[in-house]
Amino acid sequence: MKYLWEAELRRFVKFIKNMPTANLPFLIFLYILFWLINFSSTLVIGNVESSRSLTAANMLGYVVWFFAMFSISSIAQNMEDERMQGTFEHLHLSSVDIKSIFLVRALIHALESILIIVIFVLIVGLIHRVVVFTNIYSLLVLLILLPGLYGFAFFLAGLVLMMRSKEAKNWLAILIYVLLVPLLIPERILSPAVREIFSYFPMFQSVMMLRKLNIDKIPLNLMEVDFVKLVITSILFFVIGLLIFDIADKKAKKKGILGMY
């Protein structure tokens, strides 16, 4: 376990050193995608104040989507890459169990995603002259969200592990962009029944809470039910995701389908 941490921390240090140049194209891509989304949304807004509020609301959904994208990439897509390269079986020969390997990788990826999103939020704030996060408790909401997102990623990894299809990675990429749509929909246009269903999914619940905190200026102590629901669902998603991945991994080893060939 010690060597695993050392290897991942070395990669993290290398990531920080190469960040200014290596991640510039990625930041440009993120901003272009956000600009297109925001421009499409603001076409129906006539005044500047409403436009700025919409930009902030879109950005909050975009931030959660970014963390979801990074979590799926760090576990489900990373595992699929290992399978395609034929190295996934080798990970099982390590003295460290496979869940621990991906958990450590996920933690380091989470730190990388936080660094990128902080820079991105600052860029958007300067360009659009909008303060996205106005409530310090937004950080708490995002931290509670992370276990749920990585649990969801482990769940997807478990499903992909049982698939022999080489198109699994393509389906994961499609899913990442499909998730962007509901995260950008203003909850006020949703029916109470749909909002209630969405509230049991950590990523959607966190977006609704972030908008209440930063746009509607509702204090966290008036959202006790929402907060408790986010904590419980995030923990459940994490535990269930790990269990599904563990079951799928054991079945894959038994059937001899850890690799693609």
C-alpha atoms as a PDB file:
ATOM      1  CA  MET A   1       0.000   0.000   0.000  1.00  0.00           C
ATOM      2  CA  LYS A   2       2.883   2.340   0.775  1.00  0.00           C
ATOM      3  CA  TYR A   3       4.352   1.957  -2.711  1.00  0.00           C
ATOM      4  CA  LEU A   4       0.926   2.534  -4.265  1.00  0.00           C
ATOM      5  CA  TRP A   5       0.581   5.861  -2.449  1.00  0.00           C
ATOM      6  CA  GLU A   6       4.131   6.843  -3.364  1.00  0.00           C
ATOM      7  CA  ALA A   7       3.523   6.088  -7.044  1.00  0.00           C
ATOM      8  CA  GLU A   8       0.255   8.027  -7.158  1.00  0.00           C
ATOM      9  CA  LEU A   9       1.716  10.977  -5.253  1.00  0.00           C
ATOM     10  CA  ARG A  10       4.629  11.115  -7.696  1.00  0.00           C
ATOM     11  CA  ARG A  11       2.117  11.230 -10.524  1.00  0.00           C
ATOM     12  CA  PHE A  12       0.224  14.006  -8.715  1.00  0.00           C
ATOM     13  CA  VAL A  13       3.408  16.077  -8.310  1.00  0.00           C
ATOM     14  CA  LYS A  14       4.153  15.558 -12.008  1.00  0.00           C
ATOM     15  CA  PHE A  15       0.586  16.663 -12.780  1.00  0.00           C
ATOM     16  CA  ILE A  16       1.093  19.919 -10.839  1.00  0.00           C
ATOM     17  CA  LYS A  17       4.437  20.621 -12.548  1.00  0.00           C
ATOM     18  CA  ASN A  18       2.962  20.065 -16.016  1.00  0.00           C
ATOM     19  CA  MET A  19      -0.377  21.702 -15.242  1.00  0.00           C
ATOM     20  CA  PRO A  20       0.158  25.115 -16.931  1.00  0.00           C
ATOM     21  CA  THR A  21       0.858  23.583 -20.338  1.00  0.00           C
ATOM     22  CA  ALA A  22      -0.654  20.094 -20.264  1.00  0.00           C
ATOM     23  CA  ASN A  23      -4.107  21.204 -19.115  1.00  0.00           C
ATOM     24  CA  LEU A  24      -4.458  24.395 -21.168  1.00  0.00           C
ATOM     25  CA  PRO A  25      -6.201  22.641 -24.119  1.00  0.00           C
ATOM     26  CA  PHE A  26      -8.533  20.892 -21.667  1.00  0.00           C
ATOM     27  CA  LEU A  27      -9.428  24.203 -19.975  1.00  0.00           C
ATOM     28  CA  ILE A  28     -10.109  25.759 -23.387  1.00  0.00           C
ATOM     29  CA  PHE A  29     -12.362  22.827 -24.296  1.00  0.00           C
ATOM     30  CA  LEU A  30     -14.241  23.147 -20.984  1.00  0.00           C
ATOM     31  CA  TYR A  31     -14.792  26.852 -21.508  1.00  0.00           C
ATOM     32  CA  ILE A  32     -15.943  26.501 -25.134  1.00  0.00           C
ATOM     33  CA  LEU A  33     -18.451  23.823 -24.098  1.00  0.00           C
ATOM     34  CA  PHE A  34     -19.676  25.976 -21.213  1.00  0.00           C
ATOM     35  CA  TRP A  35     -19.903  29.059 -23.432  1.00  0.00           C
ATOM     36  CA  LEU A  36     -22.039  27.192 -25.965  1.00  0.00           C
ATOM     37  CA  ILE A  37     -24.341  25.940 -23.225  1.00  0.00           C
ATOM     38  CA  ASN A  38     -24.577  29.320 -21.538  1.00  0.00           C
ATOM     39  CA  PHE A  39     -25.091  31.179 -24.826  1.00  0.00           C
ATOM     40  CA  SER A  40     -27.951  28.866 -25.757  1.00  0.00           C
ATOM     41  CA  SER A  41     -29.541  29.456 -22.350  1.00  0.00           C
ATOM     42  CA  THR A  42     -29.145  33.255 -22.359  1.00  0.00           C
ATOM     43  CA  LEU A  43     -30.805  33.604 -25.767  1.00  0.00           C
ATOM     44  CA  VAL A  44     -34.148  33.514 -23.975  1.00  0.00           C
ATOM     45  CA  ILE A  45     -33.089  36.022 -21.278  1.00  0.00           C
ATOM     46  CA  GLY A  46     -33.611  39.719 -21.976  1.00  0.00           C
ATOM     47  CA  ASN A  47     -31.965  41.519 -19.040  1.00  0.00           C
ATOM     48  CA  VAL A  48     -28.417  41.400 -17.711  1.00  0.00           C
ATOM     49  CA  GLU A  49     -29.261  40.493 -14.120  1.00  0.00           C
ATOM     50  CA  SER A  50     -31.268  37.444 -15.129  1.00  0.00           C
ATOM     51  CA  SER A  51     -28.501  36.505 -17.549  1.00  0.00           C
ATOM     52  CA  ARG A  52     -25.878  36.611 -14.779  1.00  0.00           C
ATOM     53  CA  SER A  53     -28.037  34.504 -12.475  1.00  0.00           C
ATOM     54  CA  LEU A  54     -28.515  31.992 -15.263  1.00  0.00           C
ATOM     55  CA  THR A  55     -24.757  31.908 -15.881  1.00  0.00           C
ATOM     56  CA  ALA A  56     -24.156  31.170 -12.190  1.00  0.00           C
ATOM     57  CA  ALA A  57     -26.888  28.488 -12.169  1.00  0.00           C
ATOM     58  CA  ASN A  58     -25.451  26.865 -15.294  1.00  0.00           C
ATOM     59  CA  MET A  59     -21.959  26.994 -13.824  1.00  0.00           C
ATOM     60  CA  LEU A  60     -23.042  25.230 -10.627  1.00  0.00           C
ATOM     61  CA  GLY A  61     -24.541  22.389 -12.663  1.00  0.00           C
ATOM     62  CA  TYR A  62     -21.440  22.363 -14.848  1.00  0.00           C
ATOM     63  CA  VAL A  63     -19.145  22.030 -11.813  1.00  0.00           C
ATOM     64  CA  VAL A  64     -21.042  18.982 -10.549  1.00  0.00           C
ATOM     65  CA  TRP A  65     -20.997  17.488 -14.047  1.00  0.00           C
ATOM     66  CA  PHE A  66     -17.227  18.054 -14.196  1.00  0.00           C
ATOM     67  CA  PHE A  67     -16.706  16.111 -10.959  1.00  0.00           C
ATOM     68  CA  ALA A  68     -18.996  13.337 -12.266  1.00  0.00           C
ATOM     69  CA  MET A  69     -17.007  13.222 -15.521  1.00  0.00           C
ATOM     70  CA  PHE A  70     -13.695  13.036 -13.658  1.00  0.00           C
ATOM     71  CA  SER A  71     -14.919  10.304 -11.285  1.00  0.00           C
ATOM     72  CA  ILE A  72     -16.169   8.109 -14.144  1.00  0.00           C
ATOM     73  CA  SER A  73     -12.936   8.746 -16.036  1.00  0.00           C
ATOM     74  CA  SER A  74     -10.725   7.880 -13.068  1.00  0.00           C
ATOM     75  CA  ILE A  75     -12.399   4.536 -12.325  1.00  0.00           C
ATOM     76  CA  ALA A  76     -14.710   3.150 -15.010  1.00  0.00           C
ATOM     77  CA  GLN A  77     -12.851   4.445 -18.073  1.00  0.00           C
ATOM     78  CA  ASN A  78      -9.461   3.866 -16.459  1.00  0.00           C
ATOM     79  CA  MET A  79     -10.406   0.256 -15.791  1.00  0.00           C
ATOM     80  CA  GLU A  80     -11.639  -0.172 -19.362  1.00  0.00           C
ATOM     81  CA  ASP A  81      -8.309   1.190 -20.638  1.00  0.00           C
ATOM     82  CA  GLU A  82      -6.500  -1.362 -18.480  1.00  0.00           C
ATOM     83  CA  ARG A  83      -8.627  -4.133 -19.943  1.00  0.00           C
ATOM     84  CA  MET A  84      -8.022  -3.007 -23.531  1.00  0.00           C
ATOM     85  CA  GLN A  85      -4.260  -2.881 -22.915  1.00  0.00           C
ATOM     86  CA  GLY A  86      -4.274  -6.276 -21.206  1.00  0.00           C
ATOM     87  CA  THR A  87      -2.893  -4.945 -17.907  1.00  0.00           C
ATOM     88  CA  PHE A  88      -6.018  -5.252 -15.763  1.00  0.00           C
ATOM     89  CA  GLU A  89      -5.234  -8.873 -14.945  1.00  0.00           C
ATOM     90  CA  HIS A  90      -1.764  -7.809 -13.765  1.00  0.00           C
ATOM     91  CA  LEU A  91      -3.295  -5.528 -11.140  1.00  0.00           C
ATOM     92  CA  HIS A  92      -4.827  -8.595  -9.504  1.00  0.00           C
ATOM     93  CA  LEU A  93      -1.350 -10.018  -8.991  1.00  0.00           C
ATOM     94  CA  SER A  94      -0.486  -7.094  -6.708  1.00  0.00           C
ATOM     95  CA  SER A  95      -0.404  -7.545  -2.928  1.00  0.00           C
ATOM     96  CA  VAL A  96      -2.948  -4.692  -2.744  1.00  0.00           C
ATOM     97  CA  ASP A  97      -6.554  -5.570  -3.608  1.00  0.00           C
ATOM     98  CA  ILE A  98      -8.064  -4.042  -6.728  1.00  0.00           C
ATOM     99  CA  LYS A  99     -10.581  -1.845  -4.856  1.00  0.00           C
ATOM    100  CA  SER A 100      -7.802  -0.200  -2.865  1.00  0.00           C
ATOM    101  CA  ILE A 101      -5.816   0.499  -6.040  1.00  0.00           C
ATOM    102  CA  PHE A 102      -8.746   2.269  -7.675  1.00  0.00           C
ATOM    103  CA  LEU A 103      -9.709   4.062  -4.461  1.00  0.00           C
ATOM    104  CA  VAL A 104      -6.227   5.574  -4.162  1.00  0.00           C
ATOM    105  CA  ARG A 105      -6.304   6.524  -7.831  1.00  0.00           C
ATOM    106  CA  ALA A 106      -9.751   8.053  -7.323  1.00  0.00           C
ATOM    107  CA  LEU A 107      -8.546  10.148  -4.392  1.00  0.00           C
ATOM    108  CA  ILE A 108      -5.609  11.539  -6.370  1.00  0.00           C
ATOM    109  CA  HIS A 109      -7.895  12.195  -9.355  1.00  0.00           C
ATOM    110  CA  ALA A 110     -10.260  14.049  -7.000  1.00  0.00           C
ATOM    111  CA  LEU A 111      -7.408  16.353  -5.934  1.00  0.00           C
ATOM    112  CA  GLU A 112      -6.516  16.937  -9.583  1.00  0.00           C
ATOM    113  CA  SER A 113     -10.137  17.716 -10.480  1.00  0.00           C
ATOM    114  CA  ILE A 114     -10.415  20.198  -7.579  1.00  0.00           C
ATOM    115  CA  LEU A 115      -7.338  22.078  -8.820  1.00  0.00           C
ATOM    116  CA  ILE A 116      -8.673  22.231 -12.378  1.00  0.00           C
ATOM    117  CA  ILE A 117     -12.169  23.315 -11.393  1.00  0.00           C
ATOM    118  CA  VAL A 118     -10.873  26.064  -9.074  1.00  0.00           C
ATOM    119  CA  ILE A 119      -8.902  27.550 -11.979  1.00  0.00           C
ATOM    120  CA  PHE A 120     -11.863  27.125 -14.322  1.00  0.00           C
ATOM    121  CA  VAL A 121     -14.334  28.811 -11.941  1.00  0.00           C
ATOM    122  CA  LEU A 122     -11.952  31.755 -11.549  1.00  0.00           C
ATOM    123  CA  ILE A 123     -11.660  32.072 -15.342  1.00  0.00           C
ATOM    124  CA  VAL A 124     -15.440  31.989 -15.824  1.00  0.00           C
ATOM    125  CA  GLY A 125     -15.941  34.470 -12.996  1.00  0.00           C
ATOM    126  CA  LEU A 126     -13.485  36.945 -14.537  1.00  0.00           C
ATOM    127  CA  ILE A 127     -14.823  36.628 -18.082  1.00  0.00           C
ATOM    128  CA  HIS A 128     -18.528  36.746 -17.211  1.00  0.00           C
ATOM    129  CA  ARG A 129     -18.154  39.031 -14.161  1.00  0.00           C
ATOM    130  CA  VAL A 130     -20.137  36.681 -11.963  1.00  0.00           C
ATOM    131  CA  VAL A 131     -19.391  35.198  -8.545  1.00  0.00           C
ATOM    132  CA  VAL A 132     -20.323  31.529  -8.761  1.00  0.00           C
ATOM    133  CA  PHE A 133     -19.782  30.473  -5.135  1.00  0.00           C
ATOM    134  CA  THR A 134     -21.044  33.010  -2.607  1.00  0.00           C
ATOM    135  CA  ASN A 135     -21.629  30.615   0.285  1.00  0.00           C
ATOM    136  CA  ILE A 136     -18.769  28.867   2.086  1.00  0.00           C
ATOM    137  CA  TYR A 137     -20.976  25.836   2.768  1.00  0.00           C
ATOM    138  CA  SER A 138     -20.894  25.068  -0.957  1.00  0.00           C
ATOM    139  CA  LEU A 139     -17.518  23.411  -0.318  1.00  0.00           C
ATOM    140  CA  LEU A 140     -19.124  21.128   2.283  1.00  0.00           C
ATOM    141  CA  VAL A 141     -21.841  20.120  -0.198  1.00  0.00           C
ATOM    142  CA  LEU A 142     -19.240  19.268  -2.849  1.00  0.00           C
ATOM    143  CA  LEU A 143     -17.118  17.253  -0.404  1.00  0.00           C
ATOM    144  CA  ILE A 144     -20.157  15.218   0.688  1.00  0.00           C
ATOM    145  CA  LEU A 145     -21.050  14.677  -2.968  1.00  0.00           C
ATOM    146  CA  LEU A 146     -17.686  13.116  -3.908  1.00  0.00           C
ATOM    147  CA  PRO A 147     -18.214   9.686  -2.231  1.00  0.00           C
ATOM    148  CA  GLY A 148     -21.532   9.335  -4.063  1.00  0.00           C
ATOM    149  CA  LEU A 149     -19.944  10.184  -7.405  1.00  0.00           C
ATOM    150  CA  TYR A 150     -17.113   7.699  -6.950  1.00  0.00           C
ATOM    151  CA  GLY A 151     -19.583   5.080  -5.769  1.00  0.00           C
ATOM    152  CA  PHE A 152     -21.518   5.650  -9.001  1.00  0.00           C
ATOM    153  CA  ALA A 153     -18.244   5.295 -10.929  1.00  0.00           C
ATOM    154  CA  PHE A 154     -17.506   1.966  -9.189  1.00  0.00           C
ATOM    155  CA  PHE A 155     -21.035   0.831 -10.044  1.00  0.00           C
ATOM    156  CA  LEU A 156     -20.441   1.621 -13.735  1.00  0.00           C
ATOM    157  CA  ALA A 157     -17.048  -0.088 -13.575  1.00  0.00           C
ATOM    158  CA  GLY A 158     -18.744  -3.215 -12.245  1.00  0.00           C
ATOM    159  CA  LEU A 159     -21.228  -3.194 -15.136  1.00  0.00           C
ATOM    160  CA  VAL A 160     -18.468  -2.610 -17.693  1.00  0.00           C
ATOM    161  CA  LEU A 161     -16.402  -5.437 -16.189  1.00  0.00           C
ATOM    162  CA  MET A 162     -19.146  -7.914 -16.998  1.00  0.00           C
ATOM    163  CA  MET A 163     -19.365  -6.719 -20.613  1.00  0.00           C
ATOM    164  CA  ARG A 164     -17.257  -8.342 -23.299  1.00  0.00           C
ATOM    165  CA  SER A 165     -18.093  -5.543 -25.721  1.00  0.00           C
ATOM    166  CA  LYS A 166     -15.227  -3.347 -26.896  1.00  0.00           C
ATOM    167  CA  GLU A 167     -17.748  -0.513 -27.242  1.00  0.00           C
ATOM    168  CA  ALA A 168     -18.141  -0.193 -23.456  1.00  0.00           C
ATOM    169  CA  LYS A 169     -15.759   2.789 -23.381  1.00  0.00           C
ATOM    170  CA  ASN A 170     -17.819   4.545 -26.044  1.00  0.00           C
ATOM    171  CA  TRP A 171     -20.984   4.027 -24.012  1.00  0.00           C
ATOM    172  CA  LEU A 172     -19.270   5.532 -20.967  1.00  0.00           C
ATOM    173  CA  ALA A 173     -18.292   8.605 -22.987  1.00  0.00           C
ATOM    174  CA  ILE A 174     -21.875   9.016 -24.194  1.00  0.00           C
ATOM    175  CA  LEU A 175     -23.200   8.638 -20.648  1.00  0.00           C
ATOM    176  CA  ILE A 176     -20.879  11.408 -19.410  1.00  0.00           C
ATOM    177  CA  TYR A 177     -22.417  13.925 -21.822  1.00  0.00           C
ATOM    178  CA  VAL A 178     -25.964  12.662 -21.303  1.00  0.00           C
ATOM    179  CA  LEU A 179     -25.584  13.430 -17.577  1.00  0.00           C
ATOM    180  CA  LEU A 180     -24.893  17.073 -18.448  1.00  0.00           C
ATOM    181  CA  VAL A 181     -28.466  17.639 -19.649  1.00  0.00           C
ATOM    182  CA  PRO A 182     -30.463  17.058 -16.420  1.00  0.00           C
ATOM    183  CA  LEU A 183     -27.799  18.843 -14.332  1.00  0.00           C
ATOM    184  CA  LEU A 184     -28.428  22.071 -16.280  1.00  0.00           C
ATOM    185  CA  ILE A 185     -32.230  21.977 -16.165  1.00  0.00           C
ATOM    186  CA  PRO A 186     -33.608  24.608 -13.726  1.00  0.00           C
ATOM    187  CA  GLU A 187     -35.492  22.715 -11.028  1.00  0.00           C
ATOM    188  CA  ARG A 188     -38.316  25.285 -11.060  1.00  0.00           C
ATOM    189  CA  ILE A 189     -39.541  23.922 -14.396  1.00  0.00           C
ATOM    190  CA  LEU A 190     -39.670  20.360 -13.040  1.00  0.00           C
ATOM    191  CA  SER A 191     -42.764  18.928 -11.423  1.00  0.00           C
ATOM    192  CA  PRO A 192     -42.622  18.207  -7.661  1.00  0.00           C
ATOM    193  CA  ALA A 193     -42.689  14.470  -8.370  1.00  0.00           C
ATOM    194  CA  VAL A 194     -39.674  14.678 -10.715  1.00  0.00           C
ATOM    195  CA  ARG A 195     -37.765  16.890  -8.257  1.00  0.00           C
ATOM    196  CA  GLU A 196     -38.441  14.361  -5.507  1.00  0.00           C
ATOM    197  CA  ILE A 197     -37.096  11.515  -7.673  1.00  0.00           C
ATOM    198  CA  PHE A 198     -33.997  13.534  -8.608  1.00  0.00           C
ATOM    199  CA  SER A 199     -33.333  14.347  -4.948  1.00  0.00           C
ATOM    200  CA  TYR A 200     -32.415  10.701  -4.293  1.00  0.00           C
ATOM    201  CA  PHE A 201     -29.453  10.992  -6.669  1.00  0.00           C
ATOM    202  CA  PRO A 202     -26.502  12.804  -5.024  1.00  0.00           C
ATOM    203  CA  MET A 203     -25.379  14.715  -8.108  1.00  0.00           C
ATOM    204  CA  PHE A 204     -28.835  16.194  -8.752  1.00  0.00           C
ATOM    205  CA  GLN A 205     -29.501  16.857  -5.079  1.00  0.00           C
ATOM    206  CA  SER A 206     -26.175  18.673  -4.740  1.00  0.00           C
ATOM    207  CA  VAL A 207     -26.937  20.928  -7.729  1.00  0.00           C
ATOM    208  CA  MET A 208     -30.293  21.894  -6.243  1.00  0.00           C
ATOM    209  CA  MET A 209     -28.655  22.652  -2.891  1.00  0.00           C
ATOM    210  CA  LEU A 210     -25.836  24.670  -4.474  1.00  0.00           C
ATOM    211  CA  ARG A 211     -28.342  26.818  -6.362  1.00  0.00           C
ATOM    212  CA  LYS A 212     -30.339  27.420  -3.209  1.00  0.00           C
ATOM    213  CA  LEU A 213     -27.193  28.387  -1.296  1.00  0.00           C
ATOM    214  CA  ASN A 214     -25.571  30.623  -3.901  1.00  0.00           C
ATOM    215  CA  ILE A 215     -28.434  32.027  -5.973  1.00  0.00           C
ATOM    216  CA  ASP A 216     -31.520  31.940  -3.759  1.00  0.00           C
ATOM    217  CA  LYS A 217     -29.381  32.786  -0.686  1.00  0.00           C
ATOM    218  CA  ILE A 218     -31.114  30.185   1.484  1.00  0.00           C
ATOM    219  CA  PRO A 219     -28.954  29.343   4.550  1.00  0.00           C
ATOM    220  CA  LEU A 220     -27.910  25.732   5.087  1.00  0.00           C
ATOM    221  CA  ASN A 221     -29.743  25.474   8.435  1.00  0.00           C
ATOM    222  CA  LEU A 222     -33.038  25.850   6.531  1.00  0.00           C
ATOM    223  CA  MET A 223     -32.154  22.888   4.311  1.00  0.00           C
ATOM    224  CA  GLU A 224     -31.706  20.233   6.983  1.00  0.00           C
ATOM    225  CA  VAL A 225     -33.841  17.662   5.160  1.00  0.00           C
ATOM    226  CA  ASP A 226     -31.967  18.220   1.883  1.00  0.00           C
ATOM    227  CA  PHE A 227     -28.611  18.031   3.664  1.00  0.00           C
ATOM    228  CA  VAL A 228     -29.422  14.781   5.484  1.00  0.00           C
ATOM    229  CA  LYS A 229     -30.752  13.272   2.255  1.00  0.00           C
ATOM    230  CA  LEU A 230     -27.518  14.192   0.435  1.00  0.00           C
ATOM    231  CA  VAL A 231     -25.354  12.641   3.167  1.00  0.00           C
ATOM    232  CA  ILE A 232     -27.357   9.409   3.282  1.00  0.00           C
ATOM    233  CA  THR A 233     -27.663   8.948  -0.501  1.00  0.00           C
ATOM    234  CA  SER A 234     -23.989   9.756  -1.070  1.00  0.00           C
ATOM    235  CA  ILE A 235     -22.892   7.144   1.474  1.00  0.00           C
ATOM    236  CA  LEU A 236     -25.354   4.597   0.056  1.00  0.00           C
ATOM    237  CA  PHE A 237     -24.144   5.179  -3.504  1.00  0.00           C
ATOM    238  CA  PHE A 238     -20.542   4.708  -2.369  1.00  0.00           C
ATOM    239  CA  VAL A 239     -21.215   1.495  -0.428  1.00  0.00           C
ATOM    240  CA  ILE A 240     -23.478  -0.002  -3.117  1.00  0.00           C
ATOM    241  CA  GLY A 241     -21.011   0.954  -5.860  1.00  0.00           C
ATOM    242  CA  LEU A 242     -18.143  -0.798  -4.059  1.00  0.00           C
ATOM    243  CA  LEU A 243     -20.265  -3.897  -3.433  1.00  0.00           C
ATOM    244  CA  ILE A 244     -21.373  -4.110  -7.068  1.00  0.00           C
ATOM    245  CA  PHE A 245     -17.791  -3.686  -8.277  1.00  0.00           C
ATOM    246  CA  ASP A 246     -16.528  -6.331  -5.836  1.00  0.00           C
ATOM    247  CA  ILE A 247     -19.206  -8.833  -6.904  1.00  0.00           C
ATOM    248  CA  ALA A 248     -18.564  -8.134 -10.609  1.00  0.00           C
ATOM    249  CA  ASP A 249     -14.789  -8.471 -10.139  1.00  0.00           C
ATOM    250  CA  LYS A 250     -15.138 -11.838  -8.393  1.00  0.00           C
ATOM    251  CA  LYS A 251     -17.511 -13.118 -11.083  1.00  0.00           C
ATOM    252  CA  ALA A 252     -15.197 -11.882 -13.837  1.00  0.00           C
ATOM    253  CA  LYS A 253     -12.228 -13.685 -12.257  1.00  0.00           C
ATOM    254  CA  LYS A 254     -14.282 -16.858 -11.895  1.00  0.00           C
ATOM    255  CA  LYS A 255     -15.391 -16.718 -15.539  1.00  0.00           C
ATOM    256  CA  GLY A 256     -11.963 -15.648 -16.767  1.00  0.00           C
ATOM    257  CA  ILE A 257     -13.145 -12.433 -18.425  1.00  0.00           C
ATOM    258  CA  LEU A 258     -10.925  -9.864 -16.715  1.00  0.00           C
ATOM    259  CA  GLY A 259      -9.344  -9.002 -20.061  1.00  0.00           C
ATOM    260  CA  MET A 260     -10.865  -8.268 -23.441  1.00  0.00           C
ATOM    261  CA  TYR A 261      -9.171 -11.124 -25.299  1.00  0.00           C
END
